[in-house]
């Protein structure tokens, strides 16, 4: 699975949701500019700063982007692709497929592919908004030419979905920045973790996966990890992974291609 002298791999993935998170929560947020500005921060401020860190470490990452984000922020998508990173699908809007009828889910997927294909990059991967696949999502993903999914939480090793050719690159909430940092504006009762706490959690999980020869898929959101006080966390985490020496940092597509053979 991994190159000679490597024990495991870490994929750095970014869900570039921008304003779509707030629109999916409530379409009326389109008329609430302050709510929308939380997502705009990701595109306006965070993405360039993240790309600078990735470039300094000379690592490639995978960016899962909703089609409507690509349409709204095309210059940012061109910057991501131009820097050599992988472009992957994150739906058209950020609405969860699990709540859709099959025909609606397929329309969303078709529109998403059209929006992303316009940038000339090979789009092979799919990640459902909220990781909320429906019962027919994987079959639909295969039908529309995607080779891998990164949604399920049932393993630490990549595998092929039964009855399909779709490779799964498993994820986990523990390696997602949102559960640790996301502010709950409705209840105000969720603690926002410090970067040092999260770094400790992520290091432990990555080391555990490395010891078992697995794949650690870390999920970041520009509007979350891209805050000024958290960018050093991203920088330190990448540097630490590279210093391990026996852990590869490939794109998701690179891992999926090996699994598929």
Protein backbone atom coordinates (compact mmCIF):
# COMPACT_ATOMS: atom_id res chain seq x y z
CA UNK A 1 0.00 0.00 0.00
CA UNK A 2 2.66 2.53 1.02
CA UNK A 3 6.01 3.22 -0.64
CA UNK A 4 9.12 1.51 0.64
CA UNK A 5 10.23 2.85 4.05
CA UNK A 6 6.77 4.34 4.74
CA UNK A 7 4.52 2.83 7.40
CA UNK A 8 1.35 4.80 6.72
CA UNK A 9 0.00 7.93 5.10
CA UNK A 10 -1.69 11.20 6.02
CA UNK A 11 -3.99 12.92 3.54
CA UNK A 12 -4.49 16.64 4.11
CA UNK A 13 -8.01 17.50 2.93
CA UNK A 14 -9.88 20.79 2.88
CA UNK A 15 -13.65 21.19 2.64
CA UNK A 16 -13.89 24.60 0.99
CA UNK A 17 -17.53 25.29 1.88
CA UNK A 18 -17.47 29.11 1.97
CA UNK A 19 -21.02 30.49 2.27
CA UNK A 20 -22.73 27.21 1.41
CA UNK A 21 -22.77 25.93 5.01
CA UNK A 22 -24.97 28.81 6.09
CA UNK A 23 -27.19 28.59 3.02
CA UNK A 24 -27.73 24.88 3.62
CA UNK A 25 -28.64 25.51 7.25
CA UNK A 26 -31.19 28.15 6.25
CA UNK A 27 -31.68 29.60 2.74
CA UNK A 28 -32.89 32.81 4.42
CA UNK A 29 -29.27 33.40 5.43
CA UNK A 30 -28.79 34.74 1.89
CA UNK A 31 -30.48 37.87 3.24
CA UNK A 32 -28.28 37.95 6.36
CA UNK A 33 -24.93 39.37 5.28
CA UNK A 34 -23.27 38.92 8.66
CA UNK A 35 -24.13 35.21 8.76
CA UNK A 36 -22.84 34.80 5.21
CA UNK A 37 -19.64 36.65 6.03
CA UNK A 38 -18.54 33.75 8.24
CA UNK A 39 -18.17 31.64 5.11
CA UNK A 40 -16.78 34.47 3.01
CA UNK A 41 -13.85 34.67 5.42
CA UNK A 42 -12.73 31.26 4.20
CA UNK A 43 -12.54 32.36 0.59
CA UNK A 44 -11.41 35.94 1.15
CA UNK A 45 -8.76 35.48 3.83
CA UNK A 46 -8.09 31.86 4.76
CA UNK A 47 -7.50 30.09 1.44
CA UNK A 48 -4.48 32.20 0.36
CA UNK A 49 -2.90 31.83 3.81
CA UNK A 50 -3.42 28.06 3.78
CA UNK A 51 -1.98 27.75 0.28
CA UNK A 52 1.10 29.64 1.44
CA UNK A 53 1.67 27.15 4.28
CA UNK A 54 1.17 24.15 2.00
CA UNK A 55 3.56 25.64 -0.54
CA UNK A 56 6.22 26.27 2.06
CA UNK A 57 6.09 22.61 3.09
CA UNK A 58 5.92 21.47 -0.56
CA UNK A 59 2.99 19.14 0.12
CA UNK A 60 -0.05 18.48 -2.05
CA UNK A 61 -3.53 18.31 -0.60
CA UNK A 62 -7.07 17.52 -1.71
CA UNK A 63 -9.77 20.21 -1.82
CA UNK A 64 -13.41 19.10 -1.71
CA UNK A 65 -15.46 21.96 -3.14
CA UNK A 66 -19.22 22.41 -3.64
CA UNK A 67 -20.01 23.34 -7.23
CA UNK A 68 -21.70 26.57 -6.23
CA UNK A 69 -18.58 27.63 -4.29
CA UNK A 70 -16.53 27.06 -7.44
CA UNK A 71 -18.96 29.25 -9.38
CA UNK A 72 -18.93 31.98 -6.73
CA UNK A 73 -15.15 31.98 -6.13
CA UNK A 74 -13.55 30.85 -9.41
CA UNK A 75 -10.31 32.73 -8.83
CA UNK A 76 -9.71 30.80 -5.62
CA UNK A 77 -10.32 27.49 -7.38
CA UNK A 78 -7.85 28.47 -10.08
CA UNK A 79 -5.29 29.28 -7.37
CA UNK A 80 -5.83 25.90 -5.71
CA UNK A 81 -5.51 23.98 -8.97
CA UNK A 82 -2.63 26.16 -10.13
CA UNK A 83 -0.69 25.34 -6.97
CA UNK A 84 -0.88 21.64 -7.83
CA UNK A 85 -3.54 20.54 -5.39
CA UNK A 86 -6.27 18.02 -6.16
CA UNK A 87 -9.80 19.29 -6.84
CA UNK A 88 -12.63 17.01 -5.68
CA UNK A 89 -16.42 17.17 -5.42
CA UNK A 90 -18.37 18.18 -2.31
CA UNK A 91 -21.83 18.33 -3.86
CA UNK A 92 -23.28 21.32 -5.66
CA UNK A 93 -24.78 23.02 -2.62
CA UNK A 94 -23.88 21.92 0.90
CA UNK A 95 -27.18 20.10 1.43
CA UNK A 96 -26.87 16.54 2.70
CA UNK A 97 -27.66 13.78 0.16
CA UNK A 98 -29.21 11.60 2.87
CA UNK A 99 -32.19 13.98 2.96
CA UNK A 100 -32.76 14.06 -0.79
CA UNK A 101 -34.81 12.01 -3.22
CA UNK A 102 -32.62 10.02 -5.64
CA UNK A 103 -33.41 12.25 -8.63
CA UNK A 104 -32.58 15.41 -6.71
CA UNK A 105 -29.32 13.93 -5.44
CA UNK A 106 -28.33 13.04 -9.00
CA UNK A 107 -29.14 16.53 -10.28
CA UNK A 108 -26.93 18.01 -7.57
CA UNK A 109 -24.09 15.67 -8.48
CA UNK A 110 -24.35 16.42 -12.20
CA UNK A 111 -24.35 20.18 -11.58
CA UNK A 112 -21.38 19.84 -9.24
CA UNK A 113 -19.35 17.91 -11.79
CA UNK A 114 -20.14 20.43 -14.51
CA UNK A 115 -19.03 23.31 -12.29
CA UNK A 116 -15.76 21.65 -11.26
CA UNK A 117 -14.88 20.20 -14.67
CA UNK A 118 -14.85 23.75 -16.02
CA UNK A 119 -11.49 24.29 -14.30
CA UNK A 120 -9.73 21.66 -16.40
CA UNK A 121 -8.64 19.49 -13.48
CA UNK A 122 -9.33 15.76 -13.27
CA UNK A 123 -12.06 15.40 -10.63
CA UNK A 124 -11.99 11.85 -9.26
CA UNK A 125 -13.12 12.14 -5.65
CA UNK A 126 -16.40 12.73 -3.87
CA UNK A 127 -17.20 13.74 -0.31
CA UNK A 128 -20.82 14.23 0.73
CA UNK A 129 -21.70 17.44 2.59
CA UNK A 130 -21.72 16.53 6.26
CA UNK A 131 -20.40 13.08 5.25
CA UNK A 132 -24.13 12.29 5.00
CA UNK A 133 -24.32 9.79 2.14
CA UNK A 134 -27.69 8.33 1.27
CA UNK A 135 -28.33 4.63 0.63
CA UNK A 136 -27.73 5.06 -3.10
CA UNK A 137 -24.92 7.62 -3.01
CA UNK A 138 -21.99 5.31 -3.71
CA UNK A 139 -23.73 3.74 -6.71
CA UNK A 140 -24.50 7.23 -8.00
CA UNK A 141 -20.92 8.36 -7.48
CA UNK A 142 -19.66 5.42 -9.53
CA UNK A 143 -22.21 6.03 -12.29
CA UNK A 144 -20.94 9.59 -12.75
CA UNK A 145 -17.29 8.69 -13.05
CA UNK A 146 -15.90 9.28 -9.58
CA UNK A 147 -13.34 6.71 -8.46
CA UNK A 148 -13.35 7.25 -4.71
CA UNK A 149 -15.38 8.47 -1.76
CA UNK A 150 -14.12 9.90 1.53
CA UNK A 151 -17.15 9.68 3.80
CA UNK A 152 -17.34 6.48 5.84
CA UNK A 153 -15.99 5.91 9.36
CA UNK A 154 -15.82 2.12 9.54
CA UNK A 155 -12.09 1.55 9.05
CA UNK A 156 -8.62 3.09 9.18
CA UNK A 157 -7.55 1.35 5.96
CA UNK A 158 -8.81 2.21 2.46
CA UNK A 159 -11.10 -0.37 0.89
CA UNK A 160 -13.41 -0.88 -2.08
CA UNK A 161 -17.17 -0.63 -1.56
CA UNK A 162 -18.74 -4.02 -2.09
CA UNK A 163 -20.32 -4.46 -5.50
CA UNK A 164 -18.64 -1.36 -6.92
CA UNK A 165 -15.24 -0.11 -8.02
CA UNK A 166 -15.45 2.91 -5.70
CA UNK A 167 -12.56 3.16 -3.25
CA UNK A 168 -13.34 4.43 0.24
CA UNK A 169 -10.82 6.60 2.12
CA UNK A 170 -12.25 6.49 5.66
CA UNK A 171 -12.58 9.59 7.81
CA UNK A 172 -13.33 10.35 11.45
CA UNK A 173 -14.73 13.26 13.41
CA UNK A 174 -11.66 13.19 15.65
CA UNK A 175 -9.49 14.27 12.70
CA UNK A 176 -11.88 17.05 11.63
CA UNK A 177 -11.29 20.62 12.80
CA UNK A 178 -14.98 21.58 13.09
CA UNK A 179 -15.92 19.45 16.14
CA UNK A 180 -13.03 20.98 18.07
CA UNK A 181 -13.40 24.61 17.02
CA UNK A 182 -16.90 25.27 15.68
CA UNK A 183 -18.87 27.89 17.61
CA UNK A 184 -22.48 26.97 18.44
CA UNK A 185 -24.31 30.25 18.04
CA UNK A 186 -27.64 28.67 18.97
CA UNK A 187 -26.76 27.42 22.43
CA UNK A 188 -23.49 29.16 23.33
CA UNK A 189 -22.64 26.10 25.44
CA UNK A 190 -19.96 24.45 23.30
CA UNK A 191 -16.39 25.02 24.39
CA UNK A 192 -13.96 26.14 21.68
CA UNK A 193 -10.77 24.12 22.08
CA UNK A 194 -7.32 25.65 22.12
CA UNK A 195 -4.91 24.83 19.27
CA UNK A 196 -2.60 23.01 21.70
CA UNK A 197 -5.40 20.68 22.79
CA UNK A 198 -6.30 19.83 19.22
CA UNK A 199 -2.69 19.32 18.20
CA UNK A 200 -2.29 16.81 21.03
CA UNK A 201 -5.43 14.93 19.95
CA UNK A 202 -4.41 14.85 16.29
CA UNK A 203 -0.85 13.73 17.01
CA UNK A 204 -2.08 10.85 19.14
CA UNK A 205 -4.57 9.70 16.51
CA UNK A 206 -2.09 9.95 13.64
CA UNK A 207 0.53 8.02 15.60
CA UNK A 208 -2.02 5.34 16.46
CA UNK A 209 -3.02 4.98 12.82
CA UNK A 210 0.64 4.91 11.78
CA UNK A 211 1.36 2.07 14.20
CA UNK A 212 -1.45 0.08 12.56
CA UNK A 213 -0.28 0.87 9.03
CA UNK A 214 -3.43 2.82 8.19
CA UNK A 215 -4.46 6.03 6.50
CA UNK A 216 -5.15 9.21 8.47
CA UNK A 217 -7.45 11.55 6.54
CA UNK A 218 -7.40 14.96 8.24
CA UNK A 219 -10.28 17.26 7.35
CA UNK A 220 -9.90 21.03 7.55
CA UNK A 221 -12.30 23.87 6.71
CA UNK A 222 -10.73 27.17 5.61
CA UNK A 223 -13.11 29.23 7.72
CA UNK A 224 -12.13 27.14 10.77
CA UNK A 225 -8.44 26.25 10.50
CA UNK A 226 -7.73 29.49 8.66
CA UNK A 227 -8.25 31.73 11.66
CA UNK A 228 -5.01 33.56 12.53
CA UNK A 229 -4.59 31.78 15.86
CA UNK A 230 -4.99 28.35 14.24
CA UNK A 231 -2.80 28.69 11.17
CA UNK A 232 0.30 27.96 13.28
CA UNK A 233 -1.40 24.70 14.28
CA UNK A 234 -1.73 23.70 10.63
CA UNK A 235 1.87 24.68 10.00
CA UNK A 236 3.16 22.74 13.01
CA UNK A 237 1.08 19.66 12.26
CA UNK A 238 2.35 19.41 8.69
CA UNK A 239 5.95 19.94 9.78
CA UNK A 240 5.59 17.29 12.48
CA UNK A 241 4.11 14.72 10.06
CA UNK A 242 6.94 15.31 7.59
CA UNK A 243 9.54 14.98 10.35
CA UNK A 244 8.23 11.52 11.24
CA UNK A 245 10.00 10.31 8.12
CA UNK A 246 8.02 7.10 7.74
CA UNK A 247 4.66 8.69 6.88
CA UNK A 248 3.72 9.62 3.33
CA UNK A 249 1.61 12.73 2.52
CA UNK A 250 -0.18 11.92 -0.77
CA UNK A 251 -3.37 13.29 -2.31
CA UNK A 252 -6.55 11.27 -1.92
CA UNK A 253 -6.52 10.41 -5.62
CA UNK A 254 -3.03 8.97 -5.35
CA UNK A 255 -4.08 6.64 -2.53
CA UNK A 256 -7.28 5.63 -4.28
CA UNK A 257 -5.41 4.75 -7.47
CA UNK A 258 -3.17 2.32 -5.57
CA UNK A 259 -6.13 0.63 -3.92
CA UNK A 260 -7.94 0.29 -7.23
CA UNK A 261 -4.83 -1.23 -8.78
